Amino acid sequence: DAQWIWSPAHAKDHVPETACFFRKTFEAPNLNAAVIEVA
């Protein structure tokens, strides 16, 4: 269940024209495959 996210500095449907930067760190073992989906 992925969530739509943005900066907590802005309320939903009241976001100015600006950039927001996101990071997610995680630990990974040896992998056979990795796929990411983004919108």
Full PDB file with SEQRES, HELIX, SHEET, SSBOND, CRYST1, ORIGX, SCALE, CONECT and MASTER records, all heavy atoms in Angstrom:
SEQRES   1 A   39  ASP ALA GLN TRP ILE TRP SER PRO ALA HIS ALA LYS ASP          
SEQRES   2 A   39  HIS VAL PRO GLU THR ALA CYS PHE PHE ARG LYS THR PHE          
SEQRES   3 A   39  GLU ALA PRO ASN LEU ASN ALA ALA VAL ILE GLU VAL ALA          
CRYST1    1.000    1.000    1.000  90.00  90.00  90.00 P 1           1          
ORIGX1      1.000000  0.000000  0.000000        0.00000                         
ORIGX2      0.000000  1.000000  0.000000        0.00000                         
ORIGX3      0.000000  0.000000  1.000000        0.00000                         
SCALE1      1.000000  0.000000  0.000000        0.00000                         
SCALE2      0.000000  1.000000  0.000000        0.00000                         
SCALE3      0.000000  0.000000  1.000000        0.00000                         
ATOM      1  N   ASP A   1       0.828  -1.189   0.000  1.00  0.00           N  
ATOM      2  CA  ASP A   1       0.000   0.000   0.000  1.00  0.00           C  
ATOM      3  C   ASP A   1       0.872   1.252   0.000  1.00  0.00           C  
ATOM      4  O   ASP A   1       1.174   1.809   1.060  1.00  0.00           O  
ATOM      5  CB  ASP A   1      -0.926  -0.011   1.212  1.00  0.00           C  
ATOM      6  CG  ASP A   1      -1.978  -1.103   1.102  1.00  0.00           C  
ATOM      7  OD1 ASP A   1      -2.460  -1.341  -0.006  1.00  0.00           O  
ATOM      8  OD2 ASP A   1      -2.288  -1.697   2.128  1.00  0.00           O  
ATOM      9  N   ALA A   2       1.279   1.666  -1.169  1.00  0.00           N  
ATOM     10  CA  ALA A   2       2.060   2.895  -1.286  1.00  0.00           C  
ATOM     11  C   ALA A   2       1.178   4.094  -0.984  1.00  0.00           C  
ATOM     12  O   ALA A   2      -0.042   4.059  -1.181  1.00  0.00           O  
ATOM     13  CB  ALA A   2       2.649   3.002  -2.690  1.00  0.00           C  
ATOM     14  N   GLN A   3       1.798   5.181  -0.505  1.00  0.00           N  
ATOM     15  CA  GLN A   3       1.075   6.397  -0.136  1.00  0.00           C  
ATOM     16  C   GLN A   3       1.536   7.563  -1.013  1.00  0.00           C  
ATOM     17  O   GLN A   3       2.704   7.638  -1.398  1.00  0.00           O  
ATOM     18  CB  GLN A   3       1.335   6.745   1.333  1.00  0.00           C  
ATOM     19  CG  GLN A   3       1.035   5.618   2.299  1.00  0.00           C  
ATOM     20  CD  GLN A   3      -0.445   5.364   2.473  1.00  0.00           C  
ATOM     21  OE1 GLN A   3      -1.237   6.305   2.556  1.00  0.00           O  
ATOM     22  NE2 GLN A   3      -0.831   4.103   2.544  1.00  0.00           N  
ATOM     23  N   TRP A   4       0.605   8.453  -1.316  1.00  0.00           N  
ATOM     24  CA  TRP A   4       0.982   9.717  -1.940  1.00  0.00           C  
ATOM     25  C   TRP A   4       1.597  10.597  -0.850  1.00  0.00           C  
ATOM     26  O   TRP A   4       1.002  10.771   0.221  1.00  0.00           O  
ATOM     27  CB  TRP A   4      -0.238  10.418  -2.529  1.00  0.00           C  
ATOM     28  CG  TRP A   4      -0.733   9.806  -3.812  1.00  0.00           C  
ATOM     29  CD1 TRP A   4      -1.767   8.935  -3.950  1.00  0.00           C  
ATOM     30  CD2 TRP A   4      -0.216  10.031  -5.133  1.00  0.00           C  
ATOM     31  NE1 TRP A   4      -1.935   8.598  -5.273  1.00  0.00           N  
ATOM     32  CE2 TRP A   4      -0.997   9.258  -6.025  1.00  0.00           C  
ATOM     33  CE3 TRP A   4       0.820  10.808  -5.642  1.00  0.00           C  
ATOM     34  CZ2 TRP A   4      -0.766   9.240  -7.392  1.00  0.00           C  
ATOM     35  CZ3 TRP A   4       1.042  10.798  -7.019  1.00  0.00           C  
ATOM     36  CH2 TRP A   4       0.265  10.026  -7.870  1.00  0.00           C  
ATOM     37  N   ILE A   5       2.786  11.128  -1.100  1.00  0.00           N  
ATOM     38  CA  ILE A   5       3.483  11.921  -0.086  1.00  0.00           C  
ATOM     39  C   ILE A   5       3.964  13.251  -0.668  1.00  0.00           C  
ATOM     40  O   ILE A   5       4.068  13.419  -1.881  1.00  0.00           O  
ATOM     41  CB  ILE A   5       4.696  11.166   0.501  1.00  0.00           C  
ATOM     42  CG1 ILE A   5       5.723  10.824  -0.593  1.00  0.00           C  
ATOM     43  CG2 ILE A   5       4.242   9.886   1.225  1.00  0.00           C  
ATOM     44  CD1 ILE A   5       7.016  10.210  -0.071  1.00  0.00           C  
ATOM     45  N   TRP A   6       4.254  14.191   0.248  1.00  0.00           N  
ATOM     46  CA  TRP A   6       4.857  15.479  -0.113  1.00  0.00           C  
ATOM     47  C   TRP A   6       5.460  16.073   1.161  1.00  0.00           C  
ATOM     48  O   TRP A   6       5.449  15.439   2.232  1.00  0.00           O  
ATOM     49  CB  TRP A   6       3.841  16.423  -0.747  1.00  0.00           C  
ATOM     50  CG  TRP A   6       4.491  17.508  -1.580  1.00  0.00           C  
ATOM     51  CD1 TRP A   6       4.688  18.804  -1.236  1.00  0.00           C  
ATOM     52  CD2 TRP A   6       5.057  17.347  -2.890  1.00  0.00           C  
ATOM     53  NE1 TRP A   6       5.324  19.489  -2.252  1.00  0.00           N  
ATOM     54  CE2 TRP A   6       5.567  18.607  -3.286  1.00  0.00           C  
ATOM     55  CE3 TRP A   6       5.190  16.289  -3.769  1.00  0.00           C  
ATOM     56  CZ2 TRP A   6       6.192  18.824  -4.513  1.00  0.00           C  
ATOM     57  CZ3 TRP A   6       5.797  16.505  -4.990  1.00  0.00           C  
ATOM     58  CH2 TRP A   6       6.292  17.761  -5.350  1.00  0.00           C  
ATOM     59  N   SER A   7       5.942  17.277   1.055  1.00  0.00           N  
ATOM     60  CA  SER A   7       6.537  17.946   2.213  1.00  0.00           C  
ATOM     61  C   SER A   7       5.467  18.314   3.245  1.00  0.00           C  
ATOM     62  O   SER A   7       4.387  18.782   2.880  1.00  0.00           O  
ATOM     63  CB  SER A   7       7.269  19.211   1.769  1.00  0.00           C  
ATOM     64  OG  SER A   7       7.593  20.016   2.881  1.00  0.00           O  
ATOM     65  N   PRO A   8       5.756  18.156   4.548  1.00  0.00           N  
ATOM     66  CA  PRO A   8       4.802  18.578   5.582  1.00  0.00           C  
ATOM     67  C   PRO A   8       4.655  20.090   5.673  1.00  0.00           C  
ATOM     68  O   PRO A   8       3.784  20.592   6.388  1.00  0.00           O  
ATOM     69  CB  PRO A   8       5.400  17.994   6.865  1.00  0.00           C  
ATOM     70  CG  PRO A   8       6.859  17.894   6.579  1.00  0.00           C  
ATOM     71  CD  PRO A   8       6.962  17.540   5.129  1.00  0.00           C  
ATOM     72  N   ALA A   9       5.498  20.826   4.920  1.00  0.00           N  
ATOM     73  CA  ALA A   9       5.394  22.284   4.924  1.00  0.00           C  
ATOM     74  C   ALA A   9       4.173  22.767   4.151  1.00  0.00           C  
ATOM     75  O   ALA A   9       3.797  23.938   4.265  1.00  0.00           O  
ATOM     76  CB  ALA A   9       6.656  22.903   4.330  1.00  0.00           C  
ATOM     77  N   HIS A  10       3.557  21.870   3.368  1.00  0.00           N  
ATOM     78  CA  HIS A  10       2.419  22.266   2.541  1.00  0.00           C  
ATOM     79  C   HIS A  10       1.228  21.366   2.798  1.00  0.00           C  
ATOM     80  O   HIS A  10       1.369  20.157   2.962  1.00  0.00           O  
ATOM     81  CB  HIS A  10       2.783  22.211   1.055  1.00  0.00           C  
ATOM     82  CG  HIS A  10       3.996  23.011   0.705  1.00  0.00           C  
ATOM     83  ND1 HIS A  10       4.086  24.364   0.936  1.00  0.00           N  
ATOM     84  CD2 HIS A  10       5.181  22.638   0.153  1.00  0.00           C  
ATOM     85  CE1 HIS A  10       5.276  24.797   0.530  1.00  0.00           C  
ATOM     86  NE2 HIS A  10       5.953  23.774   0.057  1.00  0.00           N  
ATOM     87  N   ALA A  11       0.048  21.955   2.818  1.00  0.00           N  
ATOM     88  CA  ALA A  11      -1.183  21.187   2.966  1.00  0.00           C  
ATOM     89  C   ALA A  11      -1.591  20.606   1.617  1.00  0.00           C  
ATOM     90  O   ALA A  11      -1.257  21.148   0.559  1.00  0.00           O  
ATOM     91  CB  ALA A  11      -2.292  22.077   3.515  1.00  0.00           C  
ATOM     92  N   LYS A  12      -2.322  19.490   1.660  1.00  0.00           N  
ATOM     93  CA  LYS A  12      -2.804  18.867   0.434  1.00  0.00           C  
ATOM     94  C   LYS A  12      -3.652  19.849  -0.365  1.00  0.00           C  
ATOM     95  O   LYS A  12      -4.497  20.549   0.164  1.00  0.00           O  
ATOM     96  CB  LYS A  12      -3.616  17.624   0.776  1.00  0.00           C  
ATOM     97  CG  LYS A  12      -4.071  16.808  -0.431  1.00  0.00           C  
ATOM     98  CD  LYS A  12      -4.779  15.556   0.031  1.00  0.00           C  
ATOM     99  CE  LYS A  12      -5.194  14.700  -1.150  1.00  0.00           C  
ATOM    100  NZ  LYS A  12      -6.270  15.303  -1.934  1.00  0.00           N  
ATOM    101  N   ASP A  13      -3.409  19.891  -1.674  1.00  0.00           N  
ATOM    102  CA  ASP A  13      -4.120  20.765  -2.610  1.00  0.00           C  
ATOM    103  C   ASP A  13      -3.817  22.244  -2.396  1.00  0.00           C  
ATOM    104  O   ASP A  13      -4.540  23.106  -2.897  1.00  0.00           O  
ATOM    105  CB  ASP A  13      -5.633  20.533  -2.531  1.00  0.00           C  
ATOM    106  CG  ASP A  13      -6.026  19.112  -2.899  1.00  0.00           C  
ATOM    107  OD1 ASP A  13      -5.324  18.521  -3.740  1.00  0.00           O  
ATOM    108  OD2 ASP A  13      -7.007  18.599  -2.353  1.00  0.00           O  
ATOM    109  N   HIS A  14      -2.740  22.538  -1.645  1.00  0.00           N  
ATOM    110  CA  HIS A  14      -2.296  23.925  -1.461  1.00  0.00           C  
ATOM    111  C   HIS A  14      -0.776  23.979  -1.556  1.00  0.00           C  
ATOM    112  O   HIS A  14      -0.093  24.513  -0.674  1.00  0.00           O  
ATOM    113  CB  HIS A  14      -2.778  24.481  -0.123  1.00  0.00           C  
ATOM    114  CG  HIS A  14      -4.251  24.692  -0.056  1.00  0.00           C  
ATOM    115  ND1 HIS A  14      -5.127  23.684   0.297  1.00  0.00           N  
ATOM    116  CD2 HIS A  14      -5.016  25.786  -0.325  1.00  0.00           C  
ATOM    117  CE1 HIS A  14      -6.360  24.146   0.259  1.00  0.00           C  
ATOM    118  NE2 HIS A  14      -6.332  25.406  -0.109  1.00  0.00           N  
ATOM    119  N   VAL A  15      -0.253  23.369  -2.627  1.00  0.00           N  
ATOM    120  CA  VAL A  15       1.198  23.282  -2.815  1.00  0.00           C  
ATOM    121  C   VAL A  15       1.642  24.297  -3.861  1.00  0.00           C  
ATOM    122  O   VAL A  15       1.131  24.301  -4.977  1.00  0.00           O  
ATOM    123  CB  VAL A  15       1.614  21.864  -3.255  1.00  0.00           C  
ATOM    124  CG1 VAL A  15       3.126  21.794  -3.452  1.00  0.00           C  
ATOM    125  CG2 VAL A  15       1.155  20.834  -2.228  1.00  0.00           C  
ATOM    126  N   PRO A  16       2.579  25.171  -3.540  1.00  0.00           N  
ATOM    127  CA  PRO A  16       3.066  26.133  -4.537  1.00  0.00           C  
ATOM    128  C   PRO A  16       3.944  25.442  -5.575  1.00  0.00           C  
ATOM    129  O   PRO A  16       4.323  24.285  -5.411  1.00  0.00           O  
ATOM    130  CB  PRO A  16       3.876  27.115  -3.685  1.00  0.00           C  
ATOM    131  CG  PRO A  16       4.359  26.299  -2.533  1.00  0.00           C  
ATOM    132  CD  PRO A  16       3.238  25.331  -2.234  1.00  0.00           C  
ATOM    133  N   GLU A  17       4.255  26.151  -6.615  1.00  0.00           N  
ATOM    134  CA  GLU A  17       5.146  25.609  -7.639  1.00  0.00           C  
ATOM    135  C   GLU A  17       6.565  25.624  -7.089  1.00  0.00           C  
ATOM    136  O   GLU A  17       7.228  26.668  -7.050  1.00  0.00           O  
ATOM    137  CB  GLU A  17       5.028  26.436  -8.926  1.00  0.00           C  
ATOM    138  CG  GLU A  17       3.633  26.351  -9.562  1.00  0.00           C  
ATOM    139  CD  GLU A  17       3.523  27.166 -10.841  1.00  0.00           C  
ATOM    140  OE1 GLU A  17       4.570  27.646 -11.324  1.00  0.00           O  
ATOM    141  OE2 GLU A  17       2.399  27.325 -11.346  1.00  0.00           O  
ATOM    142  N   THR A  18       7.011  24.447  -6.673  1.00  0.00           N  
ATOM    143  CA  THR A  18       8.313  24.339  -6.021  1.00  0.00           C  
ATOM    144  C   THR A  18       8.809  22.908  -6.103  1.00  0.00           C  
ATOM    145  O   THR A  18       8.081  22.010  -6.527  1.00  0.00           O  
ATOM    146  CB  THR A  18       8.208  24.769  -4.541  1.00  0.00           C  
ATOM    147  OG1 THR A  18       9.507  24.791  -3.954  1.00  0.00           O  
ATOM    148  CG2 THR A  18       7.332  23.806  -3.757  1.00  0.00           C  
ATOM    149  N   ALA A  19      10.050  22.688  -5.687  1.00  0.00           N  
ATOM    150  CA  ALA A  19      10.643  21.352  -5.654  1.00  0.00           C  
ATOM    151  C   ALA A  19      10.647  20.823  -4.230  1.00  0.00           C  
ATOM    152  O   ALA A  19      10.705  21.582  -3.262  1.00  0.00           O  
ATOM    153  CB  ALA A  19      12.056  21.386  -6.209  1.00  0.00           C  
ATOM    154  N   CYS A  20      10.554  19.504  -4.119  1.00  0.00           N  
ATOM    155  CA  CYS A  20      10.656  18.835  -2.833  1.00  0.00           C  
ATOM    156  C   CYS A  20      11.578  17.635  -3.011  1.00  0.00           C  
ATOM    157  O   CYS A  20      11.519  16.949  -4.045  1.00  0.00           O  
ATOM    158  CB  CYS A  20       9.285  18.386  -2.343  1.00  0.00           C  
ATOM    159  SG  CYS A  20       9.281  17.755  -0.661  1.00  0.00           S  
ATOM    160  N   PHE A  21      12.430  17.379  -2.021  1.00  0.00           N  
ATOM    161  CA  PHE A  21      13.442  16.330  -2.113  1.00  0.00           C  
ATOM    162  C   PHE A  21      13.114  15.227  -1.098  1.00  0.00           C  
ATOM    163  O   PHE A  21      12.786  15.502   0.056  1.00  0.00           O  
ATOM    164  CB  PHE A  21      14.826  16.910  -1.861  1.00  0.00           C  
ATOM    165  CG  PHE A  21      15.160  18.033  -2.800  1.00  0.00           C  
ATOM    166  CD1 PHE A  21      14.800  19.339  -2.493  1.00  0.00           C  
ATOM    167  CD2 PHE A  21      15.807  17.784  -3.996  1.00  0.00           C  
ATOM    168  CE1 PHE A  21      15.088  20.384  -3.368  1.00  0.00           C  
ATOM    169  CE2 PHE A  21      16.094  18.819  -4.882  1.00  0.00           C  
ATOM    170  CZ  PHE A  21      15.736  20.115  -4.567  1.00  0.00           C  
ATOM    171  N   PHE A  22      13.205  13.978  -1.559  1.00  0.00           N  
ATOM    172  CA  PHE A  22      12.841  12.831  -0.729  1.00  0.00           C  
ATOM    173  C   PHE A  22      13.985  11.809  -0.697  1.00  0.00           C  
ATOM    174  O   PHE A  22      14.714  11.630  -1.677  1.00  0.00           O  
ATOM    175  CB  PHE A  22      11.595  12.145  -1.286  1.00  0.00           C  
ATOM    176  CG  PHE A  22      10.368  13.014  -1.296  1.00  0.00           C  
ATOM    177  CD1 PHE A  22      10.042  13.766  -2.422  1.00  0.00           C  
ATOM    178  CD2 PHE A  22       9.533  13.084  -0.186  1.00  0.00           C  
ATOM    179  CE1 PHE A  22       8.910  14.555  -2.437  1.00  0.00           C  
ATOM    180  CE2 PHE A  22       8.401  13.883  -0.195  1.00  0.00           C  
ATOM    181  CZ  PHE A  22       8.085  14.615  -1.327  1.00  0.00           C  
ATOM    182  N   ARG A  23      14.084  11.126   0.452  1.00  0.00           N  
ATOM    183  CA  ARG A  23      15.076  10.059   0.614  1.00  0.00           C  
ATOM    184  C   ARG A  23      14.454   8.893   1.379  1.00  0.00           C  
ATOM    185  O   ARG A  23      13.642   9.082   2.272  1.00  0.00           O  
ATOM    186  CB  ARG A  23      16.281  10.560   1.415  1.00  0.00           C  
ATOM    187  CG  ARG A  23      17.221  11.481   0.686  1.00  0.00           C  
ATOM    188  CD  ARG A  23      18.248  12.060   1.662  1.00  0.00           C  
ATOM    189  NE  ARG A  23      18.881  11.054   2.491  1.00  0.00           N  
ATOM    190  CZ  ARG A  23      19.979  10.381   2.153  1.00  0.00           C  
ATOM    191  NH1 ARG A  23      20.558  10.606   0.978  1.00  0.00           N  
ATOM    192  NH2 ARG A  23      20.498   9.477   2.965  1.00  0.00           N  
ATOM    193  N   LYS A  24      14.874   7.679   1.010  1.00  0.00           N  
ATOM    194  CA  LYS A  24      14.518   6.477   1.761  1.00  0.00           C  
ATOM    195  C   LYS A  24      15.733   5.564   1.798  1.00  0.00           C  
ATOM    196  O   LYS A  24      16.196   5.063   0.770  1.00  0.00           O  
ATOM    197  CB  LYS A  24      13.344   5.753   1.107  1.00  0.00           C  
ATOM    198  CG  LYS A  24      12.993   4.420   1.765  1.00  0.00           C  
ATOM    199  CD  LYS A  24      12.524   4.586   3.184  1.00  0.00           C  
ATOM    200  CE  LYS A  24      12.111   3.248   3.791  1.00  0.00           C  
ATOM    201  NZ  LYS A  24      11.656   3.399   5.201  1.00  0.00           N  
ATOM    202  N   THR A  25      16.309   5.353   3.003  1.00  0.00           N  
ATOM    203  CA  THR A  25      17.442   4.459   3.151  1.00  0.00           C  
ATOM    204  C   THR A  25      16.948   3.091   3.610  1.00  0.00           C  
ATOM    205  O   THR A  25      15.952   2.976   4.326  1.00  0.00           O  
ATOM    206  CB  THR A  25      18.462   5.010   4.156  1.00  0.00           C  
ATOM    207  OG1 THR A  25      17.813   5.218   5.409  1.00  0.00           O  
ATOM    208  CG2 THR A  25      19.042   6.315   3.658  1.00  0.00           C  
ATOM    209  N   PHE A  26      17.656   2.045   3.203  1.00  0.00           N  
ATOM    210  CA  PHE A  26      17.284   0.681   3.582  1.00  0.00           C  
ATOM    211  C   PHE A  26      18.497  -0.227   3.429  1.00  0.00           C  
ATOM    212  O   PHE A  26      19.458   0.096   2.718  1.00  0.00           O  
ATOM    213  CB  PHE A  26      16.131   0.169   2.708  1.00  0.00           C  
ATOM    214  CG  PHE A  26      16.446   0.130   1.227  1.00  0.00           C  
ATOM    215  CD1 PHE A  26      16.896  -1.025   0.618  1.00  0.00           C  
ATOM    216  CD2 PHE A  26      16.276   1.264   0.448  1.00  0.00           C  
ATOM    217  CE1 PHE A  26      17.180  -1.061  -0.744  1.00  0.00           C  
ATOM    218  CE2 PHE A  26      16.554   1.254  -0.915  1.00  0.00           C  
ATOM    219  CZ  PHE A  26      17.009   0.079  -1.506  1.00  0.00           C  
ATOM    220  N   GLU A  27      18.448  -1.342   4.128  1.00  0.00           N  
ATOM    221  CA  GLU A  27      19.496  -2.351   4.042  1.00  0.00           C  
ATOM    222  C   GLU A  27      19.079  -3.421   3.042  1.00  0.00           C  
ATOM    223  O   GLU A  27      17.930  -3.882   3.046  1.00  0.00           O  
ATOM    224  CB  GLU A  27      19.745  -2.987   5.409  1.00  0.00           C  
ATOM    225  CG  GLU A  27      20.211  -2.010   6.475  1.00  0.00           C  
ATOM    226  CD  GLU A  27      21.577  -1.423   6.163  1.00  0.00           C  
ATOM    227  OE1 GLU A  27      22.462  -2.182   5.690  1.00  0.00           O  
ATOM    228  OE2 GLU A  27      21.769  -0.207   6.388  1.00  0.00           O  
ATOM    229  N   ALA A  28      20.010  -3.814   2.186  1.00  0.00           N  
ATOM    230  CA  ALA A  28      19.699  -4.816   1.167  1.00  0.00           C  
ATOM    231  C   ALA A  28      20.720  -5.947   1.204  1.00  0.00           C  
ATOM    232  O   ALA A  28      21.929  -5.691   1.295  1.00  0.00           O  
ATOM    233  CB  ALA A  28      19.681  -4.183  -0.222  1.00  0.00           C  
ATOM    234  N   PRO A  29      20.259  -7.200   1.151  1.00  0.00           N  
ATOM    235  CA  PRO A  29      21.170  -8.337   1.007  1.00  0.00           C  
ATOM    236  C   PRO A  29      21.537  -8.503  -0.463  1.00  0.00           C  
ATOM    237  O   PRO A  29      21.262  -7.628  -1.295  1.00  0.00           O  
ATOM    238  CB  PRO A  29      20.309  -9.507   1.509  1.00  0.00           C  
ATOM    239  CG  PRO A  29      18.918  -9.102   1.090  1.00  0.00           C  
ATOM    240  CD  PRO A  29      18.860  -7.598   1.223  1.00  0.00           C  
ATOM    241  N   ASN A  30      22.140  -9.625  -0.796  1.00  0.00           N  
ATOM    242  CA  ASN A  30      22.397  -9.913  -2.208  1.00  0.00           C  
ATOM    243  C   ASN A  30      21.063 -10.121  -2.923  1.00  0.00           C  
ATOM    244  O   ASN A  30      20.188 -10.851  -2.439  1.00  0.00           O  
ATOM    245  CB  ASN A  30      23.259 -11.174  -2.346  1.00  0.00           C  
ATOM    246  CG  ASN A  30      24.676 -10.955  -1.861  1.00  0.00           C  
ATOM    247  OD1 ASN A  30      25.251  -9.885  -2.072  1.00  0.00           O  
ATOM    248  ND2 ASN A  30      25.241 -11.947  -1.187  1.00  0.00           N  
ATOM    249  N   LEU A  31      20.897  -9.467  -4.071  1.00  0.00           N  
ATOM    250  CA  LEU A  31      19.619  -9.474  -4.775  1.00  0.00           C  
ATOM    251  C   LEU A  31      19.708 -10.152  -6.132  1.00  0.00           C  
ATOM    252  O   LEU A  31      20.746 -10.110  -6.799  1.00  0.00           O  
ATOM    253  CB  LEU A  31      19.118  -8.044  -4.964  1.00  0.00           C  
ATOM    254  CG  LEU A  31      18.850  -7.215  -3.703  1.00  0.00           C  
ATOM    255  CD1 LEU A  31      18.436  -5.806  -4.086  1.00  0.00           C  
ATOM    256  CD2 LEU A  31      17.769  -7.873  -2.852  1.00  0.00           C  
ATOM    257  N   ASN A  32      18.587 -10.731  -6.518  1.00  0.00           N  
ATOM    258  CA  ASN A  32      18.447 -11.236  -7.885  1.00  0.00           C  
ATOM    259  C   ASN A  32      17.741 -10.222  -8.772  1.00  0.00           C  
ATOM    260  O   ASN A  32      17.963 -10.185  -9.983  1.00  0.00           O  
ATOM    261  CB  ASN A  32      17.639 -12.542  -7.890  1.00  0.00           C  
ATOM    262  CG  ASN A  32      18.496 -13.759  -7.594  1.00  0.00           C  
ATOM    263  OD1 ASN A  32      19.717 -13.680  -7.615  1.00  0.00           O  
ATOM    264  ND2 ASN A  32      17.854 -14.875  -7.299  1.00  0.00           N  
ATOM    265  N   ALA A  33      16.863  -9.403  -8.172  1.00  0.00           N  
ATOM    266  CA  ALA A  33      16.099  -8.439  -8.960  1.00  0.00           C  
ATOM    267  C   ALA A  33      15.685  -7.275  -8.084  1.00  0.00           C  
ATOM    268  O   ALA A  33      15.515  -7.424  -6.865  1.00  0.00           O  
ATOM    269  CB  ALA A  33      14.869  -9.103  -9.572  1.00  0.00           C  
ATOM    270  N   ALA A  34      15.532  -6.113  -8.693  1.00  0.00           N  
ATOM    271  CA  ALA A  34      15.054  -4.914  -8.000  1.00  0.00           C  
ATOM    272  C   ALA A  34      14.350  -4.021  -9.014  1.00  0.00           C  
ATOM    273  O   ALA A  34      14.953  -3.631 -10.025  1.00  0.00           O  
ATOM    274  CB  ALA A  34      16.199  -4.173  -7.331  1.00  0.00           C  
ATOM    275  N   VAL A  35      13.086  -3.721  -8.750  1.00  0.00           N  
ATOM    276  CA  VAL A  35      12.279  -2.882  -9.651  1.00  0.00           C  
ATOM    277  C   VAL A  35      11.637  -1.781  -8.825  1.00  0.00           C  
ATOM    278  O   VAL A  35      11.143  -2.030  -7.716  1.00  0.00           O  
ATOM    279  CB  VAL A  35      11.195  -3.707 -10.368  1.00  0.00           C  
ATOM    280  CG1 VAL A  35      10.307  -2.806 -11.213  1.00  0.00           C  
ATOM    281  CG2 VAL A  35      11.821  -4.792 -11.222  1.00  0.00           C  
ATOM    282  N   ILE A  36      11.655  -0.561  -9.358  1.00  0.00           N  
ATOM    283  CA  ILE A  36      11.012   0.563  -8.692  1.00  0.00           C  
ATOM    284  C   ILE A  36       9.986   1.171  -9.636  1.00  0.00           C  
ATOM    285  O   ILE A  36      10.196   1.236 -10.853  1.00  0.00           O  
ATOM    286  CB  ILE A  36      12.054   1.622  -8.253  1.00  0.00           C  
ATOM    287  CG1 ILE A  36      11.385   2.721  -7.415  1.00  0.00           C  
ATOM    288  CG2 ILE A  36      12.777   2.218  -9.447  1.00  0.00           C  
ATOM    289  CD1 ILE A  36      12.378   3.662  -6.753  1.00  0.00           C  
ATOM    290  N   GLU A  37       8.842   1.589  -9.078  1.00  0.00           N  
ATOM    291  CA  GLU A  37       7.794   2.257  -9.830  1.00  0.00           C  
ATOM    292  C   GLU A  37       7.572   3.636  -9.227  1.00  0.00           C  
ATOM    293  O   GLU A  37       7.491   3.773  -8.003  1.00  0.00           O  
ATOM    294  CB  GLU A  37       6.493   1.459  -9.771  1.00  0.00           C  
ATOM    295  CG  GLU A  37       6.599   0.071 -10.383  1.00  0.00           C  
ATOM    296  CD  GLU A  37       5.352  -0.740 -10.130  1.00  0.00           C  
ATOM    297  OE1 GLU A  37       5.025  -0.971  -8.946  1.00  0.00           O  
ATOM    298  OE2 GLU A  37       4.683  -1.133 -11.111  1.00  0.00           O  
ATOM    299  N   VAL A  38       7.467   4.651 -10.096  1.00  0.00           N  
ATOM    300  CA  VAL A  38       7.367   6.028  -9.627  1.00  0.00           C  
ATOM    301  C   VAL A  38       6.317   6.781 -10.441  1.00  0.00           C  
ATOM    302  O   VAL A  38       6.243   6.638 -11.668  1.00  0.00           O  
ATOM    303  CB  VAL A  38       8.713   6.775  -9.751  1.00  0.00           C  
ATOM    304  CG1 VAL A  38       8.611   8.170  -9.129  1.00  0.00           C  
ATOM    305  CG2 VAL A  38       9.840   5.981  -9.106  1.00  0.00           C  
ATOM    306  N   ALA A  39       5.522   7.575  -9.747  1.00  0.00           N  
ATOM    307  CA  ALA A  39       4.644   8.553 -10.394  1.00  0.00           C  
ATOM    308  C   ALA A  39       4.696   9.826  -9.569  1.00  0.00           C  
ATOM    309  O   ALA A  39       4.809   9.773  -8.336  1.00  0.00           O  
ATOM    310  CB  ALA A  39       3.211   8.043 -10.494  1.00  0.00           C  
TER     311      ALA A  39                                                      
MASTER        0    0    0    0    0    0    0    6  310    1    0    3          
END                                                                             
